[in-house]
Amino acid sequence: MGFAATALRMSSGVIVWGLHFAAIYGITGLACARAAPQAALIGVAVATLFAVALLLPIVVSGWRRRQEFESCFAAAVGALALLAVIWEALPALWVPTCG
């Protein structure tokens, strides 16, 4: 496996987290601008489920091949990204969206 593919695999968790971060704040901003706070809640939930669905295979495949450093690193970064995605989505459930 080449350097670019290895680097992409090792940083895939951070990439998914960054896309989720941008998506939920973009969705929330648009929903609040259009006075539709329920749309923000639905959008954040869908984006979070999509991000979790992308991160779980990264963590599981990295954990299964944990004898390799790159796979172990990808699993650890993916697990931290999964935690970050959940941490970002929690305020949408507890705090009024367009307060």
N, C-alpha and C. Protein backbone atom coordinates (compact mmCIF):
# COMPACT_ATOMS: atom_id res chain seq x y z
N MET A 1 0.85 -1.17 0.00
CA MET A 1 0.00 0.00 0.00
C MET A 1 0.90 1.24 0.00
N GLY A 2 0.54 2.20 -0.81
CA GLY A 2 1.35 3.40 -0.94
C GLY A 2 1.18 4.37 0.21
N PHE A 3 2.02 5.39 0.19
CA PHE A 3 2.00 6.37 1.26
C PHE A 3 0.68 7.12 1.30
N ALA A 4 0.17 7.55 0.15
CA ALA A 4 -1.07 8.33 0.11
C ALA A 4 -2.24 7.52 0.65
N ALA A 5 -2.34 6.26 0.26
CA ALA A 5 -3.44 5.42 0.74
C ALA A 5 -3.33 5.18 2.24
N THR A 6 -2.12 4.96 2.72
CA THR A 6 -1.92 4.74 4.16
C THR A 6 -2.26 6.00 4.94
N ALA A 7 -1.81 7.14 4.46
CA ALA A 7 -2.10 8.40 5.13
C ALA A 7 -3.60 8.70 5.13
N LEU A 8 -4.26 8.40 4.04
CA LEU A 8 -5.70 8.62 3.97
C LEU A 8 -6.45 7.69 4.93
N ARG A 9 -6.02 6.43 5.00
CA ARG A 9 -6.65 5.49 5.91
C ARG A 9 -6.44 5.91 7.36
N MET A 10 -5.24 6.38 7.69
CA MET A 10 -4.96 6.78 9.06
C MET A 10 -5.70 8.05 9.47
N SER A 11 -6.00 8.92 8.52
CA SER A 11 -6.67 10.17 8.85
C SER A 11 -8.15 10.17 8.47
N SER A 12 -8.68 9.04 8.08
CA SER A 12 -10.08 9.00 7.63
C SER A 12 -11.05 9.36 8.76
N GLY A 13 -10.75 8.99 9.99
CA GLY A 13 -11.62 9.35 11.10
C GLY A 13 -11.71 10.86 11.30
N VAL A 14 -10.59 11.53 11.19
CA VAL A 14 -10.56 12.98 11.35
C VAL A 14 -11.29 13.65 10.19
N ILE A 15 -11.18 13.09 9.01
CA ILE A 15 -11.88 13.65 7.85
C ILE A 15 -13.38 13.54 8.04
N VAL A 16 -13.86 12.39 8.47
CA VAL A 16 -15.30 12.21 8.71
C VAL A 16 -15.76 13.16 9.81
N TRP A 17 -14.99 13.29 10.88
CA TRP A 17 -15.35 14.20 11.95
C TRP A 17 -15.45 15.64 11.44
N GLY A 18 -14.48 16.07 10.66
CA GLY A 18 -14.50 17.43 10.12
C GLY A 18 -15.70 17.69 9.21
N LEU A 19 -16.03 16.71 8.38
CA LEU A 19 -17.20 16.85 7.52
C LEU A 19 -18.49 16.91 8.35
N HIS A 20 -18.56 16.10 9.39
CA HIS A 20 -19.73 16.13 10.28
C HIS A 20 -19.84 17.48 10.98
N PHE A 21 -18.73 17.98 11.46
CA PHE A 21 -18.70 19.27 12.14
C PHE A 21 -19.23 20.37 11.22
N ALA A 22 -18.72 20.41 10.00
CA ALA A 22 -19.16 21.42 9.03
C ALA A 22 -20.63 21.23 8.67
N ALA A 23 -21.05 19.99 8.53
CA ALA A 23 -22.43 19.72 8.13
C ALA A 23 -23.42 20.14 9.20
N ILE A 24 -23.15 19.80 10.46
CA ILE A 24 -24.16 20.12 11.48
C ILE A 24 -24.26 21.62 11.72
N TYR A 25 -23.15 22.34 11.64
CA TYR A 25 -23.24 23.78 11.82
C TYR A 25 -23.83 24.45 10.59
N GLY A 26 -23.58 23.93 9.42
CA GLY A 26 -24.22 24.45 8.21
C GLY A 26 -25.72 24.21 8.21
N ILE A 27 -26.11 23.00 8.58
CA ILE A 27 -27.53 22.66 8.65
C ILE A 27 -28.24 23.52 9.69
N THR A 28 -27.62 23.67 10.85
CA THR A 28 -28.23 24.48 11.91
C THR A 28 -28.35 25.94 11.49
N GLY A 29 -27.33 26.45 10.87
CA GLY A 29 -27.38 27.84 10.40
C GLY A 29 -28.47 28.07 9.37
N LEU A 30 -28.59 27.17 8.42
CA LEU A 30 -29.64 27.30 7.41
C LEU A 30 -31.03 27.16 8.02
N ALA A 31 -31.18 26.20 8.91
CA ALA A 31 -32.50 26.00 9.53
C ALA A 31 -32.90 27.19 10.38
N CYS A 32 -31.96 27.76 11.11
CA CYS A 32 -32.29 28.93 11.92
C CYS A 32 -32.56 30.16 11.05
N ALA A 33 -31.88 30.28 9.94
CA ALA A 33 -32.12 31.40 9.03
C ALA A 33 -33.51 31.31 8.41
N ARG A 34 -33.99 30.11 8.25
CA ARG A 34 -35.32 29.89 7.66
C ARG A 34 -36.39 29.64 8.72
N ALA A 35 -36.06 29.86 9.98
CA ALA A 35 -37.00 29.71 11.11
C ALA A 35 -37.62 28.32 11.14
N ALA A 36 -36.78 27.30 11.03
CA ALA A 36 -37.24 25.91 11.07
C ALA A 36 -36.36 25.10 12.02
N PRO A 37 -36.52 25.30 13.34
CA PRO A 37 -35.64 24.59 14.28
C PRO A 37 -35.81 23.07 14.26
N GLN A 38 -36.99 22.58 13.92
CA GLN A 38 -37.17 21.12 13.83
C GLN A 38 -36.37 20.53 12.69
N ALA A 39 -36.22 21.28 11.60
CA ALA A 39 -35.41 20.81 10.48
C ALA A 39 -33.94 20.68 10.90
N ALA A 40 -33.50 21.58 11.76
CA ALA A 40 -32.12 21.50 12.26
C ALA A 40 -31.92 20.23 13.07
N LEU A 41 -32.88 19.92 13.92
CA LEU A 41 -32.77 18.71 14.74
C LEU A 41 -32.74 17.46 13.88
N ILE A 42 -33.59 17.41 12.88
CA ILE A 42 -33.61 16.25 11.97
C ILE A 42 -32.32 16.18 11.17
N GLY A 43 -31.87 17.32 10.67
CA GLY A 43 -30.63 17.34 9.88
C GLY A 43 -29.42 16.92 10.68
N VAL A 44 -29.33 17.38 11.92
CA VAL A 44 -28.21 16.99 12.78
C VAL A 44 -28.27 15.50 13.08
N ALA A 45 -29.47 14.99 13.31
CA ALA A 45 -29.61 13.55 13.59
C ALA A 45 -29.20 12.72 12.38
N VAL A 46 -29.61 13.12 11.20
CA VAL A 46 -29.25 12.37 9.99
C VAL A 46 -27.74 12.45 9.75
N ALA A 47 -27.16 13.63 9.89
CA ALA A 47 -25.72 13.77 9.68
C ALA A 47 -24.93 12.95 10.70
N THR A 48 -25.42 12.91 11.93
CA THR A 48 -24.74 12.14 12.97
C THR A 48 -24.83 10.64 12.70
N LEU A 49 -25.99 10.17 12.31
CA LEU A 49 -26.13 8.75 11.99
C LEU A 49 -25.26 8.37 10.79
N PHE A 50 -25.17 9.25 9.81
CA PHE A 50 -24.33 8.99 8.65
C PHE A 50 -22.85 8.94 9.05
N ALA A 51 -22.43 9.87 9.90
CA ALA A 51 -21.04 9.89 10.34
C ALA A 51 -20.71 8.66 11.18
N VAL A 52 -21.62 8.26 12.05
CA VAL A 52 -21.40 7.06 12.85
C VAL A 52 -21.31 5.83 11.95
N ALA A 53 -22.17 5.78 10.93
CA ALA A 53 -22.14 4.66 9.99
C ALA A 53 -20.83 4.62 9.20
N LEU A 54 -20.20 5.75 8.98
CA LEU A 54 -18.90 5.78 8.31
C LEU A 54 -17.75 5.46 9.26
N LEU A 55 -17.88 5.86 10.51
CA LEU A 55 -16.79 5.67 11.46
C LEU A 55 -16.71 4.26 12.03
N LEU A 56 -17.83 3.62 12.22
CA LEU A 56 -17.80 2.27 12.81
C LEU A 56 -16.97 1.28 11.99
N PRO A 57 -17.11 1.22 10.67
CA PRO A 57 -16.25 0.29 9.92
C PRO A 57 -14.76 0.64 10.01
N ILE A 58 -14.45 1.91 10.13
CA ILE A 58 -13.05 2.32 10.27
C ILE A 58 -12.48 1.77 11.56
N VAL A 59 -13.24 1.92 12.64
CA VAL A 59 -12.78 1.45 13.95
C VAL A 59 -12.69 -0.07 13.97
N VAL A 60 -13.72 -0.73 13.47
CA VAL A 60 -13.75 -2.20 13.53
C VAL A 60 -12.65 -2.81 12.66
N SER A 61 -12.47 -2.32 11.44
CA SER A 61 -11.43 -2.90 10.58
C SER A 61 -10.04 -2.62 11.12
N GLY A 62 -9.85 -1.44 11.69
CA GLY A 62 -8.55 -1.15 12.30
C GLY A 62 -8.28 -2.01 13.52
N TRP A 63 -9.31 -2.27 14.29
CA TRP A 63 -9.14 -3.09 15.48
C TRP A 63 -8.85 -4.54 15.11
N ARG A 64 -9.46 -5.02 14.06
CA ARG A 64 -9.23 -6.42 13.65
C ARG A 64 -7.79 -6.63 13.16
N ARG A 65 -7.19 -5.59 12.58
CA ARG A 65 -5.81 -5.70 12.10
C ARG A 65 -4.87 -4.89 12.98
N ARG A 66 -5.04 -4.96 14.27
CA ARG A 66 -4.29 -4.10 15.19
C ARG A 66 -2.83 -4.48 15.34
N GLN A 67 -2.38 -5.55 14.71
CA GLN A 67 -0.96 -5.88 14.78
C GLN A 67 -0.13 -4.89 13.97
N GLU A 68 -0.75 -4.28 12.98
CA GLU A 68 -0.07 -3.25 12.18
C GLU A 68 -0.27 -1.90 12.85
N PHE A 69 0.79 -1.10 12.88
CA PHE A 69 0.70 0.21 13.53
C PHE A 69 -0.32 1.10 12.85
N GLU A 70 -0.32 1.11 11.52
CA GLU A 70 -1.22 1.99 10.79
C GLU A 70 -2.68 1.66 11.08
N SER A 71 -3.00 0.38 11.16
CA SER A 71 -4.38 -0.03 11.44
C SER A 71 -4.77 0.31 12.87
N CYS A 72 -3.87 0.10 13.80
CA CYS A 72 -4.14 0.44 15.20
C CYS A 72 -4.32 1.94 15.35
N PHE A 73 -3.51 2.72 14.67
CA PHE A 73 -3.63 4.17 14.71
C PHE A 73 -4.95 4.63 14.10
N ALA A 74 -5.32 4.03 12.97
CA ALA A 74 -6.59 4.38 12.32
C ALA A 74 -7.77 4.05 13.23
N ALA A 75 -7.71 2.92 13.92
CA ALA A 75 -8.78 2.56 14.85
C ALA A 75 -8.86 3.54 16.01
N ALA A 76 -7.72 3.94 16.55
CA ALA A 76 -7.71 4.88 17.67
C ALA A 76 -8.23 6.25 17.26
N VAL A 77 -7.79 6.73 16.11
CA VAL A 77 -8.26 8.03 15.62
C VAL A 77 -9.75 7.95 15.28
N GLY A 78 -10.17 6.84 14.69
CA GLY A 78 -11.59 6.67 14.38
C GLY A 78 -12.45 6.63 15.63
N ALA A 79 -11.96 5.98 16.68
CA ALA A 79 -12.71 5.93 17.94
C ALA A 79 -12.80 7.32 18.57
N LEU A 80 -11.72 8.08 18.54
CA LEU A 80 -11.77 9.45 19.06
C LEU A 80 -12.70 10.32 18.23
N ALA A 81 -12.69 10.12 16.92
CA ALA A 81 -13.60 10.87 16.05
C ALA A 81 -15.05 10.49 16.32
N LEU A 82 -15.30 9.22 16.59
CA LEU A 82 -16.65 8.77 16.93
C LEU A 82 -17.12 9.43 18.21
N LEU A 83 -16.25 9.50 19.19
CA LEU A 83 -16.57 10.19 20.44
C LEU A 83 -16.85 11.67 20.19
N ALA A 84 -16.06 12.29 19.34
CA ALA A 84 -16.24 13.71 19.03
C ALA A 84 -17.56 13.95 18.29
N VAL A 85 -17.92 13.07 17.39
CA VAL A 85 -19.18 13.21 16.65
C VAL A 85 -20.36 13.14 17.61
N ILE A 86 -20.33 12.19 18.52
CA ILE A 86 -21.42 12.07 19.49
C ILE A 86 -21.44 13.28 20.42
N TRP A 87 -20.27 13.74 20.82
CA TRP A 87 -20.17 14.91 21.70
C TRP A 87 -20.73 16.16 21.02
N GLU A 88 -20.53 16.30 19.73
CA GLU A 88 -21.05 17.45 18.99
C GLU A 88 -22.57 17.37 18.83
N ALA A 89 -23.10 16.18 18.72
CA ALA A 89 -24.53 16.03 18.46
C ALA A 89 -25.37 16.18 19.72
N LEU A 90 -24.80 15.96 20.89
CA LEU A 90 -25.58 16.02 22.12
C LEU A 90 -26.23 17.37 22.40
N PRO A 91 -25.57 18.51 22.16
CA PRO A 91 -26.24 19.78 22.42
C PRO A 91 -27.50 19.99 21.58
N ALA A 92 -27.58 19.37 20.42
CA ALA A 92 -28.78 19.50 19.60
C ALA A 92 -30.00 18.90 20.30
N LEU A 93 -29.75 17.94 21.17
CA LEU A 93 -30.85 17.32 21.91
C LEU A 93 -31.21 18.09 23.17
N TRP A 94 -30.28 18.82 23.74
CA TRP A 94 -30.49 19.45 25.03
C TRP A 94 -30.73 20.96 24.99
N VAL A 95 -30.16 21.62 23.99
CA VAL A 95 -30.21 23.07 23.93
C VAL A 95 -31.17 23.49 22.83
N PRO A 96 -31.99 24.51 23.05
CA PRO A 96 -32.86 25.00 21.97
C PRO A 96 -32.01 25.42 20.76
N THR A 97 -32.41 24.97 19.62
CA THR A 97 -31.58 25.13 18.43
C THR A 97 -31.38 26.57 18.02
N CYS A 98 -32.44 27.27 17.87
CA CYS A 98 -32.34 28.66 17.36
C CYS A 98 -32.63 29.67 18.47
N GLY A 99 -32.08 29.40 19.64
CA GLY A 99 -32.32 30.24 20.81
C GLY A 99 -31.70 31.56 20.69
